[in-house]
Protein backbone atom coordinates (compact mmCIF):
# COMPACT_ATOMS: atom_id res chain seq x y z
CA MET A 1 0.41 -4.54 -19.87
CA SER A 2 -0.04 -8.28 -19.85
CA ALA A 3 0.12 -10.24 -16.63
CA ARG A 4 2.83 -12.81 -16.08
CA ARG A 5 1.77 -16.47 -16.08
CA LYS A 6 3.15 -19.02 -13.66
CA VAL A 7 2.81 -22.75 -14.08
CA GLU A 8 1.04 -24.57 -11.29
CA VAL A 9 2.80 -27.49 -9.71
CA ASN A 10 1.80 -30.85 -8.26
CA PHE A 11 5.25 -31.55 -6.73
CA GLU A 12 5.24 -35.06 -8.20
CA GLY A 13 3.32 -36.60 -5.33
CA ARG A 14 5.29 -34.78 -2.63
CA PRO A 15 3.82 -32.35 -0.07
CA LEU A 16 4.70 -28.67 -0.38
CA ARG A 17 6.16 -26.87 2.61
CA TYR A 18 5.47 -23.15 2.30
CA ALA A 19 7.07 -20.62 4.65
CA PHE A 20 5.65 -17.18 5.44
CA PRO A 21 7.83 -14.07 5.84
CA TYR A 22 7.19 -13.97 9.60
CA ASP A 23 9.10 -15.36 12.56
CA THR A 24 5.87 -15.61 14.56
CA ILE A 25 3.89 -17.74 12.08
CA ALA A 26 4.91 -21.33 11.29
CA PRO A 27 5.10 -22.71 7.74
CA VAL A 28 2.28 -24.78 6.30
CA GLU A 29 2.59 -28.18 4.63
CA ILE A 30 0.19 -28.77 1.73
CA PRO A 31 -0.52 -32.51 1.22
CA ALA A 32 0.33 -33.87 -2.22
CA SER A 33 -3.35 -34.57 -2.89
CA HIS A 34 -3.95 -30.85 -3.45
CA PRO A 35 -2.96 -29.22 -6.77
CA VAL A 36 -1.09 -26.08 -5.68
CA GLY A 37 -0.28 -22.78 -7.38
CA VAL A 38 2.16 -20.38 -5.72
CA TYR A 39 2.23 -16.76 -6.89
CA THR A 40 4.21 -13.83 -5.60
CA VAL A 41 5.87 -10.58 -6.59
CA ARG A 42 8.88 -11.02 -8.83
CA GLY A 43 12.34 -10.80 -7.34
CA VAL A 44 15.62 -9.95 -9.05
CA ASP A 45 18.10 -12.80 -8.90
CA GLU A 46 20.96 -11.19 -10.76
CA ALA A 47 23.31 -8.64 -9.20
CA HIS A 48 21.93 -5.14 -9.54
CA GLU A 49 23.11 -1.58 -9.05
CA ARG A 50 23.35 -0.12 -5.55
CA PRO A 51 20.12 1.64 -4.48
CA GLU A 52 21.78 5.03 -4.00
CA SER A 53 23.31 4.81 -7.46
CA LEU A 54 19.94 4.03 -9.02
CA VAL A 55 18.45 7.10 -7.35
CA THR A 56 21.37 9.31 -8.35
CA THR A 57 21.11 8.20 -11.99
CA SER A 58 17.38 8.89 -12.00
CA LEU A 59 17.79 12.35 -10.48
CA ALA A 60 20.35 13.20 -13.17
CA ALA A 61 17.85 12.43 -15.95
CA PRO A 62 14.36 13.21 -14.62
CA ILE A 63 11.28 12.44 -16.69
CA GLY A 64 9.32 15.37 -18.08
CA MET A 65 11.16 18.20 -16.33
CA SER A 66 14.54 19.79 -15.61
CA ARG A 67 16.87 18.48 -12.92
CA LEU A 68 16.04 19.59 -9.41
CA SER A 69 19.53 21.07 -9.14
CA GLN A 70 18.56 23.41 -11.97
CA LEU A 71 15.35 24.48 -10.26
CA VAL A 72 16.64 25.28 -6.79
CA ASN A 73 18.84 28.07 -5.46
CA PRO A 74 20.05 29.18 -2.03
CA ASP A 75 16.72 30.91 -1.35
CA SER A 76 14.49 27.98 -2.30
CA ARG A 77 12.09 26.86 0.44
CA ILE A 78 12.06 23.08 0.01
CA LEU A 79 9.58 20.59 1.43
CA ILE A 80 10.28 16.87 1.07
CA ILE A 81 7.23 14.70 1.77
CA VAL A 82 7.82 11.05 2.67
CA ASP A 83 5.52 8.15 3.44
CA ASP A 84 5.26 6.64 6.93
CA MET A 85 6.21 3.36 8.59
CA SER A 86 3.14 1.60 7.21
CA ARG A 87 4.81 1.69 3.79
CA PRO A 88 7.92 -0.30 2.80
CA THR A 89 9.69 2.56 0.97
CA PRO A 90 13.40 2.57 1.99
CA VAL A 91 13.43 6.36 2.35
CA HIS A 92 16.83 6.23 4.06
CA GLN A 93 18.35 5.04 0.77
CA ILE A 94 16.65 7.76 -1.27
CA VAL A 95 17.26 10.82 0.90
CA PRO A 96 21.10 11.05 0.68
CA PRO A 97 21.27 11.25 -3.14
CA LEU A 98 18.25 13.57 -3.16
CA LEU A 99 19.93 15.94 -0.71
CA ALA A 100 23.11 15.80 -2.80
CA GLU A 101 21.12 16.78 -5.90
CA LEU A 102 19.57 19.73 -4.06
CA ALA A 103 22.96 20.80 -2.71
CA ARG A 104 24.31 20.70 -6.27
CA GLY A 105 21.89 23.52 -7.06
CA GLY A 106 22.89 25.56 -4.02
CA ALA A 107 20.02 24.64 -1.69
CA ARG A 108 20.74 25.45 1.96
CA ASP A 109 20.03 23.05 4.83
CA ALA A 110 18.23 25.81 6.72
CA ASN A 111 15.56 25.92 3.99
CA ILE A 112 14.82 22.18 3.82
CA ARG A 113 12.07 20.47 5.83
CA PHE A 114 10.54 16.99 5.82
CA LEU A 115 6.84 16.21 6.19
CA VAL A 116 5.54 12.71 6.96
CA ALA A 117 2.42 11.89 4.93
CA LEU A 118 0.37 10.10 7.55
CA GLY A 119 -3.07 10.44 6.03
CA THR A 120 -5.06 9.60 9.17
CA HIS A 121 -2.51 7.07 10.48
CA ARG A 122 -0.98 7.50 13.93
CA LEU A 123 1.96 9.84 14.50
CA MET A 124 5.41 8.38 13.93
CA THR A 125 7.73 8.29 16.93
CA GLY A 126 11.16 9.89 16.92
CA GLN A 127 12.81 6.47 16.65
CA GLU A 128 10.58 5.50 13.73
CA ILE A 129 11.45 8.75 11.95
CA ALA A 130 15.17 8.08 12.47
CA THR A 131 14.73 4.58 11.06
CA LYS A 132 12.69 5.79 8.10
CA LEU A 133 14.87 8.73 7.04
CA GLY A 134 18.17 7.56 8.49
CA PRO A 135 19.52 8.94 11.78
CA VAL A 136 21.67 11.67 10.18
CA PRO A 137 18.95 13.36 8.08
CA ALA A 138 16.44 12.94 10.92
CA ALA A 139 18.75 14.89 13.24
CA ARG A 140 19.91 17.37 10.61
CA PHE A 141 16.52 18.63 9.37
CA PRO A 142 13.11 19.43 10.88
CA VAL A 143 10.75 16.47 10.41
CA ILE A 144 7.05 17.13 10.91
CA ASN A 145 4.22 14.63 11.29
CA HIS A 146 1.16 15.64 9.26
CA GLU A 147 -1.54 16.75 11.70
CA TRP A 148 -4.69 16.00 9.77
CA ASP A 149 -6.93 17.09 12.65
CA ASN A 150 -5.17 20.39 13.50
CA PRO A 151 -6.72 23.37 11.64
CA ALA A 152 -3.63 25.47 12.36
CA GLU A 153 -1.54 23.12 10.23
CA LEU A 154 -3.92 23.12 7.24
CA HIS A 155 -4.46 25.43 4.27
CA ASP A 156 -7.30 25.90 1.77
CA TYR A 157 -5.88 25.40 -1.72
CA GLY A 158 -9.11 26.17 -3.58
CA MET A 159 -12.04 24.35 -5.14
CA LEU A 160 -12.02 21.13 -7.16
CA ASP A 161 -15.34 19.96 -8.58
CA HIS A 162 -17.34 21.82 -5.92
CA THR A 163 -15.12 20.44 -3.15
CA ARG A 164 -12.68 22.47 -1.07
CA VAL A 165 -9.12 21.16 -1.21
CA VAL A 166 -7.76 21.49 2.35
CA LEU A 167 -4.29 20.07 2.86
CA ASN A 168 -1.21 20.53 5.02
CA ARG A 169 -0.02 24.13 4.87
CA GLY A 170 3.58 23.05 4.30
CA MET A 171 3.18 23.12 0.51
CA HIS A 172 1.78 26.67 0.68
CA GLU A 173 4.88 27.76 2.61
CA SER A 174 7.30 26.18 0.11
CA ASN A 175 8.21 26.84 -3.51
CA ILE A 176 9.76 23.41 -4.16
CA VAL A 177 7.74 20.37 -3.07
CA ILE A 178 9.13 16.85 -3.61
CA GLY A 179 7.23 13.63 -2.98
CA VAL A 180 9.22 10.52 -2.02
CA GLY A 181 7.57 7.10 -2.10
CA SER A 182 7.27 3.74 -3.82
CA ILE A 183 5.04 2.43 -6.58
CA ALA A 184 3.00 -0.73 -6.06
CA PRO A 185 -0.60 -1.78 -6.79
CA HIS A 186 -3.07 -0.01 -4.51
CA PRO A 187 -6.78 -0.87 -4.09
CA ALA A 188 -8.00 2.74 -3.87
CA ALA A 189 -5.66 4.50 -6.30
CA GLY A 190 -4.62 1.81 -8.78
CA PHE A 191 -0.99 2.30 -7.78
CA SER A 192 0.67 3.98 -4.83
CA GLY A 193 3.17 6.77 -5.38
CA GLY A 194 2.97 9.92 -7.45
CA GLY A 195 0.55 12.57 -6.23
CA LYS A 196 -0.93 10.18 -3.66
CA ILE A 197 1.71 11.46 -1.26
CA ILE A 198 -0.34 14.70 -1.31
CA ALA A 199 -3.88 13.41 -1.70
CA PRO A 200 -4.76 11.77 0.59
CA GLY A 201 -1.30 11.66 2.24
CA VAL A 202 -1.42 15.17 3.75
CA ALA A 203 -5.15 15.84 3.58
CA THR A 204 -7.87 16.28 6.20
CA ALA A 205 -9.80 13.35 7.65
CA GLU A 206 -12.82 14.45 5.61
CA ALA A 207 -10.82 14.44 2.37
CA VAL A 208 -9.14 11.12 3.18
CA GLY A 209 -12.52 9.63 3.95
CA GLY A 210 -14.12 11.00 0.80
CA PHE A 211 -11.32 9.64 -1.36
CA HIS A 212 -11.39 6.15 0.09
CA TRP A 213 -15.17 6.01 0.32
CA GLN A 214 -15.48 6.82 -3.37
CA SER A 215 -12.99 4.05 -4.19
CA VAL A 216 -15.05 1.24 -2.63
CA HIS A 217 -17.80 1.87 -5.16
CA TYR A 218 -15.55 0.42 -7.87
CA ALA A 219 -14.76 -3.27 -8.35
CA GLN A 220 -11.15 -4.06 -7.49
CA LYS A 221 -10.46 -5.45 -10.95
CA ASP A 222 -11.30 -2.00 -12.35
CA VAL A 223 -8.84 -0.14 -10.09
CA LEU A 224 -6.11 -2.35 -8.62
CA GLY A 225 -2.99 -2.25 -10.80
CA LEU A 226 -4.44 0.25 -13.30
CA ARG A 227 -2.62 3.59 -13.36
CA ASP A 228 -5.26 5.65 -15.13
CA ASN A 229 -8.61 5.40 -13.37
CA PRO A 230 -11.13 7.89 -11.95
CA MET A 231 -9.41 7.93 -8.54
CA ARG A 232 -5.97 8.67 -9.95
CA GLU A 233 -7.26 11.50 -12.13
CA ARG A 234 -8.49 13.31 -9.02
CA ILE A 235 -5.22 12.63 -7.18
CA ASP A 236 -3.21 14.21 -9.99
CA ARG A 237 -5.37 17.32 -10.05
CA MET A 238 -5.19 17.85 -6.28
CA ALA A 239 -1.43 17.36 -6.23
CA HIS A 240 -1.08 19.95 -8.98
CA MET A 241 -3.21 22.43 -7.02
CA ALA A 242 -1.02 21.89 -3.96
CA GLY A 243 2.15 22.65 -5.93
CA LEU A 244 3.83 19.24 -6.07
CA THR A 245 6.98 20.00 -8.06
CA ALA A 246 8.49 16.55 -8.54
CA ILE A 247 8.48 12.98 -7.31
CA VAL A 248 11.22 10.50 -6.51
CA ASN A 249 9.50 7.11 -6.59
CA VAL A 250 11.08 3.67 -6.47
CA VAL A 251 9.93 0.21 -7.51
CA LEU A 252 10.82 -2.59 -5.07
CA ASP A 253 11.21 -6.28 -5.78
CA ALA A 254 9.95 -9.17 -3.65
CA LYS A 255 12.80 -8.68 -1.19
CA GLY A 256 12.08 -4.97 -0.73
CA ARG A 257 15.13 -3.91 -2.74
CA ILE A 258 15.10 -0.86 -5.00
CA VAL A 259 15.28 -2.11 -8.58
CA ARG A 260 14.24 1.07 -10.43
CA CYS A 261 13.84 4.74 -9.59
CA PHE A 262 11.61 7.26 -11.37
CA SER A 263 12.17 10.96 -10.79
CA GLY A 264 10.58 13.99 -12.38
CA ASP A 265 7.13 15.23 -13.31
CA PRO A 266 4.51 13.87 -10.86
CA VAL A 267 2.37 12.46 -13.67
CA GLU A 268 4.83 11.48 -16.38
CA ALA A 269 7.39 9.91 -14.05
CA HIS A 270 4.68 8.11 -12.13
CA ARG A 271 3.12 6.68 -15.27
CA ALA A 272 6.51 5.33 -16.38
CA GLY A 273 7.04 3.82 -12.94
CA CYS A 274 3.63 2.11 -12.98
CA ASP A 275 4.53 0.40 -16.25
CA VAL A 276 7.57 -1.17 -14.62
CA ALA A 277 5.83 -1.89 -11.31
CA GLY A 278 3.19 -3.85 -13.21
CA GLU A 279 5.90 -6.21 -14.46
CA PHE A 280 6.87 -7.03 -10.88
CA TYR A 281 3.54 -7.08 -9.06
CA ARG A 282 0.99 -8.31 -11.60
CA VAL A 283 0.57 -12.10 -11.74
CA ALA A 284 -1.73 -14.16 -13.95
CA ILE A 285 -3.74 -16.91 -12.29
CA PRO A 286 -5.33 -19.38 -14.70
CA ASN A 287 -8.95 -20.33 -13.95
CA PRO A 288 -9.03 -19.23 -10.29
CA GLU A 289 -12.74 -20.09 -10.21
CA THR A 290 -11.73 -23.78 -10.02
CA ALA A 291 -9.77 -23.29 -6.78
CA GLY A 292 -11.41 -24.06 -3.45
CA ILE A 293 -8.77 -22.76 -1.03
CA PHE A 294 -6.79 -19.51 -1.11
CA ILE A 295 -3.95 -18.65 1.29
CA ILE A 296 -2.61 -15.08 1.37
CA ASP A 297 -0.28 -13.14 3.65
CA THR A 298 -0.43 -9.35 4.13
CA HIS A 299 3.27 -8.70 3.62
CA PRO A 300 4.70 -6.04 3.49
CA LEU A 301 1.71 -4.15 4.96
CA ASP A 302 1.80 -5.99 8.27
CA GLN A 303 1.67 -3.22 10.87
CA ASP A 304 -2.01 -3.77 11.62
CA LEU A 305 -5.11 -5.14 9.93
CA TRP A 306 -6.05 -1.64 8.76
CA GLN A 307 -3.15 -1.98 6.33
CA GLY A 308 -3.49 -5.74 5.94
CA VAL A 309 -6.97 -5.37 4.47
CA LYS A 310 -5.25 -4.61 1.15
CA ALA A 311 -4.55 -8.34 0.84
CA MET A 312 -8.30 -8.92 1.03
CA CYS A 313 -8.74 -6.42 -1.80
CA ALA A 314 -6.30 -8.43 -3.90
CA LEU A 315 -8.28 -11.59 -3.22
CA GLU A 316 -11.44 -9.87 -4.42
CA CYS A 317 -10.01 -9.90 -7.95
CA VAL A 318 -9.81 -13.69 -8.20
CA VAL A 319 -11.65 -15.55 -5.42
CA PRO A 320 -14.89 -17.31 -6.39
CA ASN A 321 -17.95 -17.25 -4.16
CA GLY A 322 -17.89 -19.89 -1.44
CA ALA A 323 -14.15 -20.51 -1.48
CA VAL A 324 -12.19 -20.80 1.75
CA VAL A 325 -9.72 -17.95 2.22
CA ILE A 326 -6.97 -18.05 4.84
CA VAL A 327 -5.57 -14.60 5.65
CA VAL A 328 -2.19 -14.74 7.40
CA THR A 329 -0.94 -11.62 9.18
CA PRO A 330 1.21 -10.82 12.24
CA ALA A 331 -0.56 -7.44 12.86
CA PRO A 332 1.58 -6.51 15.89
CA GLU A 333 -0.54 -3.38 16.43
CA GLY A 334 -3.81 -5.30 16.25
CA VAL A 335 -6.76 -4.29 14.10
CA SER A 336 -6.39 -0.49 14.17
CA ARG A 337 -5.41 1.72 17.08
CA GLN A 338 -6.22 4.86 15.11
CA HIS A 339 -9.65 3.73 13.91
CA PRO A 340 -11.51 1.88 16.69
CA GLY A 341 -14.70 1.92 14.61
CA VAL A 342 -13.49 -1.20 12.79
CA LEU A 343 -13.95 -3.20 15.98
CA GLU A 344 -17.13 -1.32 16.88
CA PHE A 345 -18.98 -2.34 13.72
CA GLY A 346 -16.95 -5.20 12.20
CA TYR A 347 -16.57 -5.81 8.51
CA ARG A 348 -19.73 -4.90 6.60
CA GLY A 349 -20.96 -4.93 3.03
CA LEU A 350 -21.34 -1.68 1.09
CA ALA A 351 -25.10 -1.29 1.69
CA ALA A 352 -24.79 -1.79 5.45
CA ALA A 353 -21.85 0.62 5.68
CA GLU A 354 -23.71 3.24 3.63
CA THR A 355 -26.57 3.11 6.13
CA LEU A 356 -24.16 3.72 9.02
CA VAL A 357 -22.47 6.60 7.19
CA GLU A 358 -25.76 8.26 6.30
CA ALA A 359 -26.91 7.95 9.91
CA GLY A 360 -23.75 9.71 11.08
CA ARG A 361 -22.64 6.70 13.10
CA LEU A 362 -19.55 5.92 11.03
CA ASP A 363 -16.95 8.15 9.39
CA ARG A 364 -16.06 7.48 5.76
CA VAL A 365 -12.41 6.72 6.48
CA THR A 366 -13.39 3.77 8.67
CA ALA A 367 -16.33 2.86 6.44
CA HIS A 368 -14.14 2.25 3.42
CA ASN A 369 -11.95 -0.14 5.41
CA ILE A 370 -14.79 -2.22 6.78
CA VAL A 371 -16.28 -2.49 3.29
CA GLN A 372 -12.95 -3.68 1.87
CA GLY A 373 -12.99 -6.53 4.38
CA GLY A 374 -16.75 -6.96 4.22
CA LYS A 375 -16.81 -7.64 0.48
CA LEU A 376 -14.64 -10.71 1.10
CA VAL A 377 -16.34 -11.92 4.27
CA GLU A 378 -19.79 -11.75 2.70
CA ARG A 379 -19.07 -14.20 -0.09
CA THR A 380 -16.35 -16.55 1.18
CA GLN A 381 -15.58 -18.80 4.11
CA ALA A 382 -13.04 -16.54 5.79
CA PHE A 383 -10.30 -17.87 8.11
CA MET A 384 -7.54 -15.86 9.78
CA VAL A 385 -4.24 -16.66 11.48
CA SER A 386 -2.83 -13.68 13.42
CA PRO A 387 -0.77 -13.67 16.62
CA GLY A 388 -1.42 -9.93 16.99
CA ILE A 389 -5.25 -10.04 17.01
CA ALA A 390 -7.36 -11.64 19.73
CA PRO A 391 -9.54 -14.58 18.59
CA GLU A 392 -12.72 -12.84 19.72
CA GLU A 393 -11.85 -9.81 17.61
CA ILE A 394 -11.19 -12.03 14.59
CA ARG A 395 -14.62 -13.62 15.07
CA PHE A 396 -16.29 -10.23 15.42
CA LEU A 397 -14.84 -9.19 12.07
CA GLY A 398 -16.44 -12.22 10.43
CA PHE A 399 -13.44 -14.56 10.26
CA THR A 400 -12.84 -17.90 11.95
CA PRO A 401 -9.60 -17.71 13.99
CA PHE A 402 -6.97 -20.47 13.92
CA ALA A 403 -3.78 -20.88 15.93
CA SER A 404 -1.80 -21.99 12.87
CA VAL A 405 -2.11 -22.03 9.12
CA GLN A 406 -1.84 -25.82 9.27
CA ASP A 407 -4.95 -26.00 11.46
CA ALA A 408 -6.76 -23.64 9.10
CA LEU A 409 -5.81 -25.77 6.10
CA ILE A 410 -7.04 -28.95 7.77
CA GLU A 411 -10.45 -27.37 8.31
CA ALA A 412 -10.45 -25.92 4.78
CA ALA A 413 -9.76 -29.38 3.34
CA ARG A 414 -12.53 -30.84 5.46
CA ARG A 415 -14.95 -28.34 3.94
CA LYS A 416 -13.70 -28.26 0.35
CA GLY A 417 -12.19 -31.73 -0.03
CA THR A 418 -8.72 -33.24 0.26
CA SER A 419 -8.09 -32.76 -3.46
CA ALA A 420 -9.27 -29.13 -3.62
CA ARG A 421 -7.04 -26.86 -5.65
CA VAL A 422 -5.01 -24.48 -3.45
CA ILE A 423 -3.75 -21.06 -4.52
CA ILE A 424 -1.10 -19.32 -2.39
CA LEU A 425 -0.48 -15.59 -2.85
CA GLY A 426 2.69 -14.12 -1.36
CA MET A 427 3.17 -10.41 -0.66
CA GLY A 428 -0.59 -10.07 -0.56
CA GLY A 429 -0.39 -6.46 0.58
CA GLU A 430 0.94 -5.42 -2.82
CA ILE A 431 0.37 -8.26 -5.28
CA CYS A 432 -2.01 -7.71 -8.21
CA PRO A 433 -3.60 -11.04 -9.21
CA VAL A 434 -5.33 -11.24 -12.59
CA ALA A 435 -7.66 -14.04 -13.63
CA VAL A 436 -6.85 -15.53 -17.07
């Protein structure tokens, strides 16, 4: 699918004031001497159908399979797997019509459970679960955090290419498994959604690490925003082994609103959803190699820098060597509470991280993250503005800290020139920039 092209602007000799989607970070004013290109995920201006109606319509005509109401009965043991607070999926808008569809087939509340696909993220609190699912479903049904480090909660689903597939036992105990999530470009899987809710969503730390570690050996332009890639093929196979019955995946616009819903077969429905997601998230940037300064936020993956690193992956697709990059992130939970190794070793290149992994000093889950950041730090002049991360930690990671984006831009212009071309990328956590 072709990328969308946006025309760059010079604002007719006027400065550009650009605001970030954060109350804690002030806007930046770009002097008129800089040619500026602003790129972000597409929004929907016209009035659109209510989210719950979009989900209901999708559930009534699933892709590649029968309706869920035709598959369930009063004895069905149903597991609904949802993503966690690090993802923007408005699960609370999806769950009510999904439960109505299951009830239409006779499913009983007593046989329905929810599982939060944490991967190796921290456990969600009760309040976060109520916010994510909605207070009524959260109180009405059992909701379980995936315990990736608890052997009692895991099950061996068999062998895949000489590797044991060990995942949450909840799928083994159910005969209907439904994955709920959203579809957006993802640096390790091409796109989020689909079977990724299973692998690595409810896998062991070893499996999560292996998956992500394998992904950093590919260039971002060969994975990000491409549905069919070596990583996705493995995801689909593992999800099939685990018994994923169906998915309910949504595509969100720039304002986080549901604009399309794709229900049905985990592969067919996901592929259809990726086609539409590409129209929203993929942006064409003409001749990015001529730009000297890049500004990107991490929205909507702003919880911590562990998630925010995805914006750095997006930059990898278009940033030339030596450019100044300004990463803007609130990161209220800092760098990563769950993975302290990021601040033990800092961002590293692939070769350095491989040495640490082989020596047993660094787990592969953490290694993949520090390589994602390290690839950018190694070849650019990296600046960061983040009220949630201490300046000394920013420096340790390889970035230069600044109190404001304006201060960072002033220094960038000093280094690259007052007429350097500036490229601004909004929704950096999910945007898919393509050089043209």
